[in-house]
Full PDB file with SEQRES, HELIX, SHEET, SSBOND, CRYST1, ORIGX, SCALE, CONECT and MASTER records, all heavy atoms in Angstrom:
SEQRES   1 A   36  GLU LYS TYR ARG LYS THR HIS THR GLY ASN PHE THR LEU          
SEQRES   2 A   36  GLN ARG TYR LYS GLY LEU GLY GLU MET ASP ALA GLU GLN          
SEQRES   3 A   36  LEU TRP GLU THR THR LEU ASP PRO GLU ARG                      
HELIX    1 AA1 LYS A    2  THR A    6  1                                   5    
HELIX    2 AA2 LEU A   19  GLU A   21  5                                   3    
HELIX    3 AA3 ALA A   24  LEU A   27  1                                   4    
HELIX    4 AA4 TRP A   28  LEU A   32  3                                   5    
CRYST1    1.000    1.000    1.000  90.00  90.00  90.00 P 1           1          
ORIGX1      1.000000  0.000000  0.000000        0.00000                         
ORIGX2      0.000000  1.000000  0.000000        0.00000                         
ORIGX3      0.000000  0.000000  1.000000        0.00000                         
SCALE1      1.000000  0.000000  0.000000        0.00000                         
SCALE2      0.000000  1.000000  0.000000        0.00000                         
SCALE3      0.000000  0.000000  1.000000        0.00000                         
ATOM      1  N   GLU A   1       0.828  -1.206   0.000  1.00  0.00           N  
ATOM      2  CA  GLU A   1       0.000   0.000   0.000  1.00  0.00           C  
ATOM      3  C   GLU A   1       0.866   1.261   0.000  1.00  0.00           C  
ATOM      4  O   GLU A   1       0.569   2.246  -0.690  1.00  0.00           O  
ATOM      5  CB  GLU A   1      -0.918  -0.002   1.233  1.00  0.00           C  
ATOM      6  CG  GLU A   1      -2.076  -0.990   1.145  1.00  0.00           C  
ATOM      7  CD  GLU A   1      -2.925  -0.791  -0.110  1.00  0.00           C  
ATOM      8  OE1 GLU A   1      -3.325   0.363  -0.374  1.00  0.00           O  
ATOM      9  OE2 GLU A   1      -3.155  -1.774  -0.838  1.00  0.00           O  
ATOM     10  N   LYS A   2       1.933   1.231   0.763  1.00  0.00           N  
ATOM     11  CA  LYS A   2       2.844   2.374   0.811  1.00  0.00           C  
ATOM     12  C   LYS A   2       3.495   2.585  -0.550  1.00  0.00           C  
ATOM     13  O   LYS A   2       3.653   3.726  -1.019  1.00  0.00           O  
ATOM     14  CB  LYS A   2       3.905   2.141   1.893  1.00  0.00           C  
ATOM     15  CG  LYS A   2       4.839   3.320   2.111  1.00  0.00           C  
ATOM     16  CD  LYS A   2       5.797   3.049   3.261  1.00  0.00           C  
ATOM     17  CE  LYS A   2       6.737   4.236   3.470  1.00  0.00           C  
ATOM     18  NZ  LYS A   2       7.701   3.979   4.570  1.00  0.00           N  
ATOM     19  N   TYR A   3       3.867   1.480  -1.218  1.00  0.00           N  
ATOM     20  CA  TYR A   3       4.490   1.564  -2.539  1.00  0.00           C  
ATOM     21  C   TYR A   3       3.520   2.170  -3.552  1.00  0.00           C  
ATOM     22  O   TYR A   3       3.898   3.004  -4.373  1.00  0.00           O  
ATOM     23  CB  TYR A   3       4.932   0.165  -2.989  1.00  0.00           C  
ATOM     24  CG  TYR A   3       5.752   0.171  -4.271  1.00  0.00           C  
ATOM     25  CD1 TYR A   3       7.129   0.324  -4.233  1.00  0.00           C  
ATOM     26  CD2 TYR A   3       5.123   0.023  -5.517  1.00  0.00           C  
ATOM     27  CE1 TYR A   3       7.883   0.329  -5.399  1.00  0.00           C  
ATOM     28  CE2 TYR A   3       5.859   0.031  -6.692  1.00  0.00           C  
ATOM     29  CZ  TYR A   3       7.237   0.183  -6.621  1.00  0.00           C  
ATOM     30  OH  TYR A   3       7.980   0.198  -7.782  1.00  0.00           O  
ATOM     31  N   ARG A   4       2.264   1.724  -3.473  1.00  0.00           N  
ATOM     32  CA  ARG A   4       1.248   2.261  -4.405  1.00  0.00           C  
ATOM     33  C   ARG A   4       1.107   3.781  -4.251  1.00  0.00           C  
ATOM     34  O   ARG A   4       0.949   4.515  -5.223  1.00  0.00           O  
ATOM     35  CB  ARG A   4      -0.114   1.601  -4.148  1.00  0.00           C  
ATOM     36  CG  ARG A   4      -0.209   0.132  -4.540  1.00  0.00           C  
ATOM     37  CD  ARG A   4      -1.658  -0.334  -4.399  1.00  0.00           C  
ATOM     38  NE  ARG A   4      -1.795  -1.766  -4.432  1.00  0.00           N  
ATOM     39  CZ  ARG A   4      -1.843  -2.496  -5.561  1.00  0.00           C  
ATOM     40  NH1 ARG A   4      -1.733  -1.891  -6.730  1.00  0.00           N  
ATOM     41  NH2 ARG A   4      -1.988  -3.807  -5.492  1.00  0.00           N  
ATOM     42  N   LYS A   5       1.164   4.263  -3.000  1.00  0.00           N  
ATOM     43  CA  LYS A   5       0.978   5.692  -2.747  1.00  0.00           C  
ATOM     44  C   LYS A   5       2.176   6.519  -3.191  1.00  0.00           C  
ATOM     45  O   LYS A   5       2.035   7.690  -3.554  1.00  0.00           O  
ATOM     46  CB  LYS A   5       0.707   5.918  -1.261  1.00  0.00           C  
ATOM     47  CG  LYS A   5      -0.638   5.375  -0.785  1.00  0.00           C  
ATOM     48  CD  LYS A   5      -0.793   5.551   0.723  1.00  0.00           C  
ATOM     49  CE  LYS A   5      -2.122   4.960   1.202  1.00  0.00           C  
ATOM     50  NZ  LYS A   5      -2.267   5.067   2.680  1.00  0.00           N  
ATOM     51  N   THR A   6       3.360   5.928  -3.147  1.00  0.00           N  
ATOM     52  CA  THR A   6       4.574   6.697  -3.436  1.00  0.00           C  
ATOM     53  C   THR A   6       5.088   6.501  -4.854  1.00  0.00           C  
ATOM     54  O   THR A   6       6.062   7.139  -5.247  1.00  0.00           O  
ATOM     55  CB  THR A   6       5.689   6.318  -2.440  1.00  0.00           C  
ATOM     56  OG1 THR A   6       5.893   4.890  -2.462  1.00  0.00           O  
ATOM     57  CG2 THR A   6       5.315   6.746  -1.027  1.00  0.00           C  
ATOM     58  N   HIS A   7       4.462   5.602  -5.638  1.00  0.00           N  
ATOM     59  CA  HIS A   7       4.891   5.365  -7.023  1.00  0.00           C  
ATOM     60  C   HIS A   7       3.688   5.568  -7.941  1.00  0.00           C  
ATOM     61  O   HIS A   7       2.790   4.718  -8.005  1.00  0.00           O  
ATOM     62  CB  HIS A   7       5.458   3.948  -7.191  1.00  0.00           C  
ATOM     63  CG  HIS A   7       6.757   3.755  -6.475  1.00  0.00           C  
ATOM     64  ND1 HIS A   7       6.832   3.622  -5.103  1.00  0.00           N  
ATOM     65  CD2 HIS A   7       8.040   3.681  -6.942  1.00  0.00           C  
ATOM     66  CE1 HIS A   7       8.096   3.460  -4.752  1.00  0.00           C  
ATOM     67  NE2 HIS A   7       8.849   3.500  -5.840  1.00  0.00           N  
ATOM     68  N   THR A   8       3.695   6.700  -8.603  1.00  0.00           N  
ATOM     69  CA  THR A   8       2.545   7.054  -9.447  1.00  0.00           C  
ATOM     70  C   THR A   8       2.619   6.438 -10.834  1.00  0.00           C  
ATOM     71  O   THR A   8       1.613   6.330 -11.528  1.00  0.00           O  
ATOM     72  CB  THR A   8       2.453   8.588  -9.578  1.00  0.00           C  
ATOM     73  OG1 THR A   8       3.727   9.095 -10.063  1.00  0.00           O  
ATOM     74  CG2 THR A   8       2.144   9.225  -8.231  1.00  0.00           C  
ATOM     75  N   GLY A   9       3.819   6.022 -11.259  1.00  0.00           N  
ATOM     76  CA  GLY A   9       3.955   5.446 -12.600  1.00  0.00           C  
ATOM     77  C   GLY A   9       3.453   4.019 -12.676  1.00  0.00           C  
ATOM     78  O   GLY A   9       3.050   3.421 -11.668  1.00  0.00           O  
ATOM     79  N   ASN A  10       3.459   3.454 -13.860  1.00  0.00           N  
ATOM     80  CA  ASN A  10       3.032   2.067 -14.044  1.00  0.00           C  
ATOM     81  C   ASN A  10       4.083   1.113 -13.484  1.00  0.00           C  
ATOM     82  O   ASN A  10       5.292   1.351 -13.600  1.00  0.00           O  
ATOM     83  CB  ASN A  10       2.820   1.769 -15.531  1.00  0.00           C  
ATOM     84  CG  ASN A  10       1.654   2.554 -16.095  1.00  0.00           C  
ATOM     85  OD1 ASN A  10       0.674   2.812 -15.406  1.00  0.00           O  
ATOM     86  ND2 ASN A  10       1.760   2.952 -17.369  1.00  0.00           N  
ATOM     87  N   PHE A  11       3.584   0.042 -12.879  1.00  0.00           N  
ATOM     88  CA  PHE A  11       4.505  -0.999 -12.432  1.00  0.00           C  
ATOM     89  C   PHE A  11       3.808  -2.351 -12.491  1.00  0.00           C  
ATOM     90  O   PHE A  11       2.582  -2.453 -12.376  1.00  0.00           O  
ATOM     91  CB  PHE A  11       5.028  -0.716 -11.012  1.00  0.00           C  
ATOM     92  CG  PHE A  11       3.988  -0.750  -9.941  1.00  0.00           C  
ATOM     93  CD1 PHE A  11       3.681  -1.935  -9.278  1.00  0.00           C  
ATOM     94  CD2 PHE A  11       3.308   0.412  -9.562  1.00  0.00           C  
ATOM     95  CE1 PHE A  11       2.724  -1.967  -8.268  1.00  0.00           C  
ATOM     96  CE2 PHE A  11       2.366   0.390  -8.556  1.00  0.00           C  
ATOM     97  CZ  PHE A  11       2.068  -0.795  -7.904  1.00  0.00           C  
ATOM     98  N   THR A  12       4.627  -3.377 -12.671  1.00  0.00           N  
ATOM     99  CA  THR A  12       4.130  -4.760 -12.684  1.00  0.00           C  
ATOM    100  C   THR A  12       4.360  -5.360 -11.303  1.00  0.00           C  
ATOM    101  O   THR A  12       5.417  -5.144 -10.698  1.00  0.00           O  
ATOM    102  CB  THR A  12       4.880  -5.605 -13.738  1.00  0.00           C  
ATOM    103  OG1 THR A  12       4.754  -4.963 -15.006  1.00  0.00           O  
ATOM    104  CG2 THR A  12       4.306  -7.009 -13.803  1.00  0.00           C  
ATOM    105  N   LEU A  13       3.378  -6.102 -10.835  1.00  0.00           N  
ATOM    106  CA  LEU A  13       3.475  -6.690  -9.509  1.00  0.00           C  
ATOM    107  C   LEU A  13       3.557  -8.207  -9.616  1.00  0.00           C  
ATOM    108  O   LEU A  13       2.688  -8.841 -10.211  1.00  0.00           O  
ATOM    109  CB  LEU A  13       2.250  -6.296  -8.667  1.00  0.00           C  
ATOM    110  CG  LEU A  13       2.356  -6.538  -7.165  1.00  0.00           C  
ATOM    111  CD1 LEU A  13       3.441  -5.652  -6.552  1.00  0.00           C  
ATOM    112  CD2 LEU A  13       1.018  -6.287  -6.483  1.00  0.00           C  
ATOM    113  N   GLN A  14       4.617  -8.754  -9.068  1.00  0.00           N  
ATOM    114  CA  GLN A  14       4.779 -10.212  -9.029  1.00  0.00           C  
ATOM    115  C   GLN A  14       4.473 -10.709  -7.622  1.00  0.00           C  
ATOM    116  O   GLN A  14       5.042 -10.229  -6.657  1.00  0.00           O  
ATOM    117  CB  GLN A  14       6.206 -10.600  -9.427  1.00  0.00           C  
ATOM    118  CG  GLN A  14       6.436 -12.114  -9.457  1.00  0.00           C  
ATOM    119  CD  GLN A  14       7.850 -12.472  -9.903  1.00  0.00           C  
ATOM    120  OE1 GLN A  14       8.618 -11.598 -10.308  1.00  0.00           O  
ATOM    121  NE2 GLN A  14       8.193 -13.736  -9.834  1.00  0.00           N  
ATOM    122  N   ARG A  15       3.549 -11.654  -7.497  1.00  0.00           N  
ATOM    123  CA  ARG A  15       3.138 -12.192  -6.197  1.00  0.00           C  
ATOM    124  C   ARG A  15       3.809 -13.545  -5.998  1.00  0.00           C  
ATOM    125  O   ARG A  15       3.684 -14.441  -6.829  1.00  0.00           O  
ATOM    126  CB  ARG A  15       1.613 -12.340  -6.154  1.00  0.00           C  
ATOM    127  CG  ARG A  15       1.074 -13.183  -4.981  1.00  0.00           C  
ATOM    128  CD  ARG A  15       1.117 -12.394  -3.680  1.00  0.00           C  
ATOM    129  NE  ARG A  15       0.075 -12.775  -2.757  1.00  0.00           N  
ATOM    130  CZ  ARG A  15       0.232 -13.666  -1.772  1.00  0.00           C  
ATOM    131  NH1 ARG A  15       1.376 -14.274  -1.598  1.00  0.00           N  
ATOM    132  NH2 ARG A  15      -0.776 -13.920  -0.945  1.00  0.00           N  
ATOM    133  N   TYR A  16       4.566 -13.689  -4.887  1.00  0.00           N  
ATOM    134  CA  TYR A  16       5.223 -14.954  -4.587  1.00  0.00           C  
ATOM    135  C   TYR A  16       4.312 -15.799  -3.700  1.00  0.00           C  
ATOM    136  O   TYR A  16       4.070 -15.452  -2.548  1.00  0.00           O  
ATOM    137  CB  TYR A  16       6.547 -14.717  -3.865  1.00  0.00           C  
ATOM    138  CG  TYR A  16       7.581 -14.011  -4.697  1.00  0.00           C  
ATOM    139  CD1 TYR A  16       8.020 -12.743  -4.348  1.00  0.00           C  
ATOM    140  CD2 TYR A  16       8.130 -14.603  -5.827  1.00  0.00           C  
ATOM    141  CE1 TYR A  16       8.978 -12.075  -5.099  1.00  0.00           C  
ATOM    142  CE2 TYR A  16       9.089 -13.950  -6.590  1.00  0.00           C  
ATOM    143  CZ  TYR A  16       9.504 -12.685  -6.220  1.00  0.00           C  
ATOM    144  OH  TYR A  16      10.446 -12.027  -6.964  1.00  0.00           O  
ATOM    145  N   LYS A  17       3.797 -16.894  -4.208  1.00  0.00           N  
ATOM    146  CA  LYS A  17       2.973 -17.793  -3.395  1.00  0.00           C  
ATOM    147  C   LYS A  17       3.823 -18.734  -2.562  1.00  0.00           C  
ATOM    148  O   LYS A  17       3.366 -19.308  -1.591  1.00  0.00           O  
ATOM    149  CB  LYS A  17       2.027 -18.609  -4.289  1.00  0.00           C  
ATOM    150  CG  LYS A  17       0.892 -17.805  -4.884  1.00  0.00           C  
ATOM    151  CD  LYS A  17      -0.048 -17.266  -3.823  1.00  0.00           C  
ATOM    152  CE  LYS A  17      -0.872 -18.368  -3.155  1.00  0.00           C  
ATOM    153  NZ  LYS A  17      -1.801 -17.803  -2.147  1.00  0.00           N  
ATOM    154  N   GLY A  18       5.092 -18.893  -2.968  1.00  0.00           N  
ATOM    155  CA  GLY A  18       5.960 -19.785  -2.213  1.00  0.00           C  
ATOM    156  C   GLY A  18       7.413 -19.539  -2.530  1.00  0.00           C  
ATOM    157  O   GLY A  18       7.757 -18.917  -3.543  1.00  0.00           O  
ATOM    158  N   LEU A  19       8.289 -20.032  -1.654  1.00  0.00           N  
ATOM    159  CA  LEU A  19       9.723 -19.857  -1.856  1.00  0.00           C  
ATOM    160  C   LEU A  19      10.203 -20.570  -3.115  1.00  0.00           C  
ATOM    161  O   LEU A  19      11.179 -20.157  -3.739  1.00  0.00           O  
ATOM    162  CB  LEU A  19      10.481 -20.398  -0.633  1.00  0.00           C  
ATOM    163  CG  LEU A  19      10.268 -19.630   0.673  1.00  0.00           C  
ATOM    164  CD1 LEU A  19      10.793 -20.445   1.847  1.00  0.00           C  
ATOM    165  CD2 LEU A  19      10.965 -18.287   0.622  1.00  0.00           C  
ATOM    166  N   GLY A  20       9.501 -21.645  -3.462  1.00  0.00           N  
ATOM    167  CA  GLY A  20       9.880 -22.406  -4.647  1.00  0.00           C  
ATOM    168  C   GLY A  20       9.748 -21.623  -5.945  1.00  0.00           C  
ATOM    169  O   GLY A  20      10.310 -22.005  -6.969  1.00  0.00           O  
ATOM    170  N   GLU A  21       8.982 -20.516  -5.909  1.00  0.00           N  
ATOM    171  CA  GLU A  21       8.814 -19.695  -7.113  1.00  0.00           C  
ATOM    172  C   GLU A  21       9.989 -18.759  -7.341  1.00  0.00           C  
ATOM    173  O   GLU A  21      10.084 -18.118  -8.387  1.00  0.00           O  
ATOM    174  CB  GLU A  21       7.518 -18.880  -7.008  1.00  0.00           C  
ATOM    175  CG  GLU A  21       6.256 -19.732  -7.020  1.00  0.00           C  
ATOM    176  CD  GLU A  21       5.009 -18.868  -6.996  1.00  0.00           C  
ATOM    177  OE1 GLU A  21       5.122 -17.633  -7.106  1.00  0.00           O  
ATOM    178  OE2 GLU A  21       3.916 -19.425  -6.866  1.00  0.00           O  
ATOM    179  N   MET A  22      10.871 -18.626  -6.356  1.00  0.00           N  
ATOM    180  CA  MET A  22      12.033 -17.747  -6.510  1.00  0.00           C  
ATOM    181  C   MET A  22      13.215 -18.528  -7.051  1.00  0.00           C  
ATOM    182  O   MET A  22      13.439 -19.683  -6.678  1.00  0.00           O  
ATOM    183  CB  MET A  22      12.428 -17.152  -5.147  1.00  0.00           C  
ATOM    184  CG  MET A  22      11.421 -16.220  -4.543  1.00  0.00           C  
ATOM    185  SD  MET A  22      12.097 -15.489  -3.029  1.00  0.00           S  
ATOM    186  CE  MET A  22      10.644 -14.676  -2.405  1.00  0.00           C  
ATOM    187  N   ASP A  23      13.993 -17.872  -7.935  1.00  0.00           N  
ATOM    188  CA  ASP A  23      15.232 -18.508  -8.356  1.00  0.00           C  
ATOM    189  C   ASP A  23      16.292 -18.248  -7.280  1.00  0.00           C  
ATOM    190  O   ASP A  23      16.071 -17.502  -6.317  1.00  0.00           O  
ATOM    191  CB  ASP A  23      15.681 -17.998  -9.727  1.00  0.00           C  
ATOM    192  CG  ASP A  23      15.898 -16.486  -9.759  1.00  0.00           C  
ATOM    193  OD1 ASP A  23      16.316 -15.923  -8.732  1.00  0.00           O  
ATOM    194  OD2 ASP A  23      15.650 -15.878 -10.817  1.00  0.00           O  
ATOM    195  N   ALA A  24      17.456 -18.859  -7.440  1.00  0.00           N  
ATOM    196  CA  ALA A  24      18.487 -18.807  -6.406  1.00  0.00           C  
ATOM    197  C   ALA A  24      18.926 -17.374  -6.113  1.00  0.00           C  
ATOM    198  O   ALA A  24      19.113 -16.988  -4.959  1.00  0.00           O  
ATOM    199  CB  ALA A  24      19.686 -19.655  -6.835  1.00  0.00           C  
ATOM    200  N   GLU A  25      19.051 -16.559  -7.162  1.00  0.00           N  
ATOM    201  CA  GLU A  25      19.503 -15.186  -6.966  1.00  0.00           C  
ATOM    202  C   GLU A  25      18.496 -14.371  -6.156  1.00  0.00           C  
ATOM    203  O   GLU A  25      18.864 -13.626  -5.238  1.00  0.00           O  
ATOM    204  CB  GLU A  25      19.728 -14.514  -8.326  1.00  0.00           C  
ATOM    205  CG  GLU A  25      20.293 -13.105  -8.205  1.00  0.00           C  
ATOM    206  CD  GLU A  25      20.536 -12.452  -9.557  1.00  0.00           C  
ATOM    207  OE1 GLU A  25      20.384 -13.143 -10.585  1.00  0.00           O  
ATOM    208  OE2 GLU A  25      20.859 -11.255  -9.587  1.00  0.00           O  
ATOM    209  N   GLN A  26      17.205 -14.540  -6.478  1.00  0.00           N  
ATOM    210  CA  GLN A  26      16.162 -13.822  -5.738  1.00  0.00           C  
ATOM    211  C   GLN A  26      16.109 -14.274  -4.279  1.00  0.00           C  
ATOM    212  O   GLN A  26      15.946 -13.465  -3.360  1.00  0.00           O  
ATOM    213  CB  GLN A  26      14.802 -14.040  -6.404  1.00  0.00           C  
ATOM    214  CG  GLN A  26      14.647 -13.367  -7.746  1.00  0.00           C  
ATOM    215  CD  GLN A  26      13.337 -13.736  -8.415  1.00  0.00           C  
ATOM    216  OE1 GLN A  26      12.831 -14.847  -8.234  1.00  0.00           O  
ATOM    217  NE2 GLN A  26      12.791 -12.825  -9.200  1.00  0.00           N  
ATOM    218  N   LEU A  27      16.248 -15.570  -4.060  1.00  0.00           N  
ATOM    219  CA  LEU A  27      16.198 -16.101  -2.697  1.00  0.00           C  
ATOM    220  C   LEU A  27      17.364 -15.569  -1.866  1.00  0.00           C  
ATOM    221  O   LEU A  27      17.207 -15.232  -0.684  1.00  0.00           O  
ATOM    222  CB  LEU A  27      16.227 -17.631  -2.737  1.00  0.00           C  
ATOM    223  CG  LEU A  27      15.757 -18.369  -1.484  1.00  0.00           C  
ATOM    224  CD1 LEU A  27      14.354 -17.970  -1.103  1.00  0.00           C  
ATOM    225  CD2 LEU A  27      15.838 -19.875  -1.691  1.00  0.00           C  
ATOM    226  N   TRP A  28      18.533 -15.460  -2.492  1.00  0.00           N  
ATOM    227  CA  TRP A  28      19.700 -14.935  -1.780  1.00  0.00           C  
ATOM    228  C   TRP A  28      19.487 -13.483  -1.370  1.00  0.00           C  
ATOM    229  O   TRP A  28      19.663 -13.123  -0.209  1.00  0.00           O  
ATOM    230  CB  TRP A  28      20.954 -15.051  -2.646  1.00  0.00           C  
ATOM    231  CG  TRP A  28      22.109 -14.244  -2.124  1.00  0.00           C  
ATOM    232  CD1 TRP A  28      22.593 -13.063  -2.615  1.00  0.00           C  
ATOM    233  CD2 TRP A  28      22.912 -14.532  -0.964  1.00  0.00           C  
ATOM    234  NE1 TRP A  28      23.636 -12.606  -1.854  1.00  0.00           N  
ATOM    235  CE2 TRP A  28      23.867 -13.484  -0.826  1.00  0.00           C  
ATOM    236  CE3 TRP A  28      22.915 -15.567  -0.026  1.00  0.00           C  
ATOM    237  CZ2 TRP A  28      24.794 -13.460   0.194  1.00  0.00           C  
ATOM    238  CZ3 TRP A  28      23.858 -15.529   0.993  1.00  0.00           C  
ATOM    239  CH2 TRP A  28      24.775 -14.489   1.103  1.00  0.00           C  
ATOM    240  N   GLU A  29      19.076 -12.656  -2.307  1.00  0.00           N  
ATOM    241  CA  GLU A  29      19.016 -11.232  -2.008  1.00  0.00           C  
ATOM    242  C   GLU A  29      17.838 -10.836  -1.115  1.00  0.00           C  
ATOM    243  O   GLU A  29      17.847  -9.800  -0.478  1.00  0.00           O  
ATOM    244  CB  GLU A  29      19.008 -10.395  -3.298  1.00  0.00           C  
ATOM    245  CG  GLU A  29      17.820 -10.617  -4.190  1.00  0.00           C  
ATOM    246  CD  GLU A  29      17.959  -9.867  -5.514  1.00  0.00           C  
ATOM    247  OE1 GLU A  29      19.086  -9.508  -5.893  1.00  0.00           O  
ATOM    248  OE2 GLU A  29      16.921  -9.662  -6.169  1.00  0.00           O  
ATOM    249  N   THR A  30      16.817 -11.699  -1.033  1.00  0.00           N  
ATOM    250  CA  THR A  30      15.655 -11.357  -0.201  1.00  0.00           C  
ATOM    251  C   THR A  30      15.639 -12.050   1.148  1.00  0.00           C  
ATOM    252  O   THR A  30      15.137 -11.498   2.133  1.00  0.00           O  
ATOM    253  CB  THR A  30      14.346 -11.714  -0.921  1.00  0.00           C  
ATOM    254  OG1 THR A  30      14.296 -13.139  -1.130  1.00  0.00           O  
ATOM    255  CG2 THR A  30      14.225 -10.995  -2.247  1.00  0.00           C  
ATOM    256  N   THR A  31      16.167 -13.270   1.221  1.00  0.00           N  
ATOM    257  CA  THR A  31      15.930 -14.102   2.406  1.00  0.00           C  
ATOM    258  C   THR A  31      17.190 -14.668   3.048  1.00  0.00           C  
ATOM    259  O   THR A  31      17.196 -14.967   4.240  1.00  0.00           O  
ATOM    260  CB  THR A  31      14.984 -15.272   2.044  1.00  0.00           C  
ATOM    261  OG1 THR A  31      13.924 -14.787   1.225  1.00  0.00           O  
ATOM    262  CG2 THR A  31      14.383 -15.912   3.276  1.00  0.00           C  
ATOM    263  N   LEU A  32      18.269 -14.799   2.274  1.00  0.00           N  
ATOM    264  CA  LEU A  32      19.477 -15.429   2.801  1.00  0.00           C  
ATOM    265  C   LEU A  32      20.601 -14.447   3.100  1.00  0.00           C  
ATOM    266  O   LEU A  32      21.395 -14.665   4.016  1.00  0.00           O  
ATOM    267  CB  LEU A  32      19.991 -16.495   1.822  1.00  0.00           C  
ATOM    268  CG  LEU A  32      19.103 -17.718   1.612  1.00  0.00           C  
ATOM    269  CD1 LEU A  32      19.644 -18.570   0.479  1.00  0.00           C  
ATOM    270  CD2 LEU A  32      19.012 -18.544   2.875  1.00  0.00           C  
ATOM    271  N   ASP A  33      20.699 -13.375   2.343  1.00  0.00           N  
ATOM    272  CA  ASP A  33      21.809 -12.441   2.479  1.00  0.00           C  
ATOM    273  C   ASP A  33      21.728 -11.699   3.818  1.00  0.00           C  
ATOM    274  O   ASP A  33      20.786 -10.927   4.055  1.00  0.00           O  
ATOM    275  CB  ASP A  33      21.776 -11.428   1.336  1.00  0.00           C  
ATOM    276  CG  ASP A  33      22.940 -10.437   1.405  1.00  0.00           C  
ATOM    277  OD1 ASP A  33      23.803 -10.598   2.284  1.00  0.00           O  
ATOM    278  OD2 ASP A  33      22.976  -9.508   0.568  1.00  0.00           O  
ATOM    279  N   PRO A  34      22.697 -11.898   4.722  1.00  0.00           N  
ATOM    280  CA  PRO A  34      22.641 -11.247   6.043  1.00  0.00           C  
ATOM    281  C   PRO A  34      22.586  -9.720   5.966  1.00  0.00           C  
ATOM    282  O   PRO A  34      22.120  -9.076   6.908  1.00  0.00           O  
ATOM    283  CB  PRO A  34      23.946 -11.706   6.717  1.00  0.00           C  
ATOM    284  CG  PRO A  34      24.314 -12.980   6.020  1.00  0.00           C  
ATOM    285  CD  PRO A  34      23.858 -12.808   4.602  1.00  0.00           C  
ATOM    286  N   GLU A  35      23.053  -9.142   4.880  1.00  0.00           N  
ATOM    287  CA  GLU A  35      23.063  -7.692   4.743  1.00  0.00           C  
ATOM    288  C   GLU A  35      21.683  -7.132   4.387  1.00  0.00           C  
ATOM    289  O   GLU A  35      21.394  -5.965   4.634  1.00  0.00           O  
ATOM    290  CB  GLU A  35      24.081  -7.266   3.674  1.00  0.00           C  
ATOM    291  CG  GLU A  35      25.519  -7.640   3.996  1.00  0.00           C  
ATOM    292  CD  GLU A  35      26.027  -6.954   5.253  1.00  0.00           C  
ATOM    293  OE1 GLU A  35      25.674  -5.773   5.469  1.00  0.00           O  
ATOM    294  OE2 GLU A  35      26.758  -7.602   6.029  1.00  0.00           O  
ATOM    295  N   ARG A  36      20.829  -7.950   3.755  1.00  0.00           N  
ATOM    296  CA  ARG A  36      19.570  -7.417   3.242  1.00  0.00           C  
ATOM    297  C   ARG A  36      18.316  -8.103   3.782  1.00  0.00           C  
ATOM    298  O   ARG A  36      17.227  -7.559   3.701  1.00  0.00           O  
ATOM    299  CB  ARG A  36      19.557  -7.497   1.702  1.00  0.00           C  
ATOM    300  CG  ARG A  36      20.512  -6.526   1.043  1.00  0.00           C  
ATOM    301  CD  ARG A  36      20.506  -6.677  -0.472  1.00  0.00           C  
ATOM    302  NE  ARG A  36      21.251  -7.848  -0.907  1.00  0.00           N  
ATOM    303  CZ  ARG A  36      21.454  -8.179  -2.178  1.00  0.00           C  
ATOM    304  NH1 ARG A  36      20.925  -7.427  -3.136  1.00  0.00           N  
ATOM    305  NH2 ARG A  36      22.154  -9.245  -2.495  1.00  0.00           N  
TER     306      ARG A  36                                                      
MASTER        0    0    0    4    0    0    0    6  305    1    0    3          
END                                                                             
């Protein structure tokens, strides 16, 4: 909701139903990388 309010341009939204839908790179940068 916050993103919708602060981004007026067009954007595509990808919904993750499960961890299995992420590739290795996405899983690292969102869930495994201690920095992020």
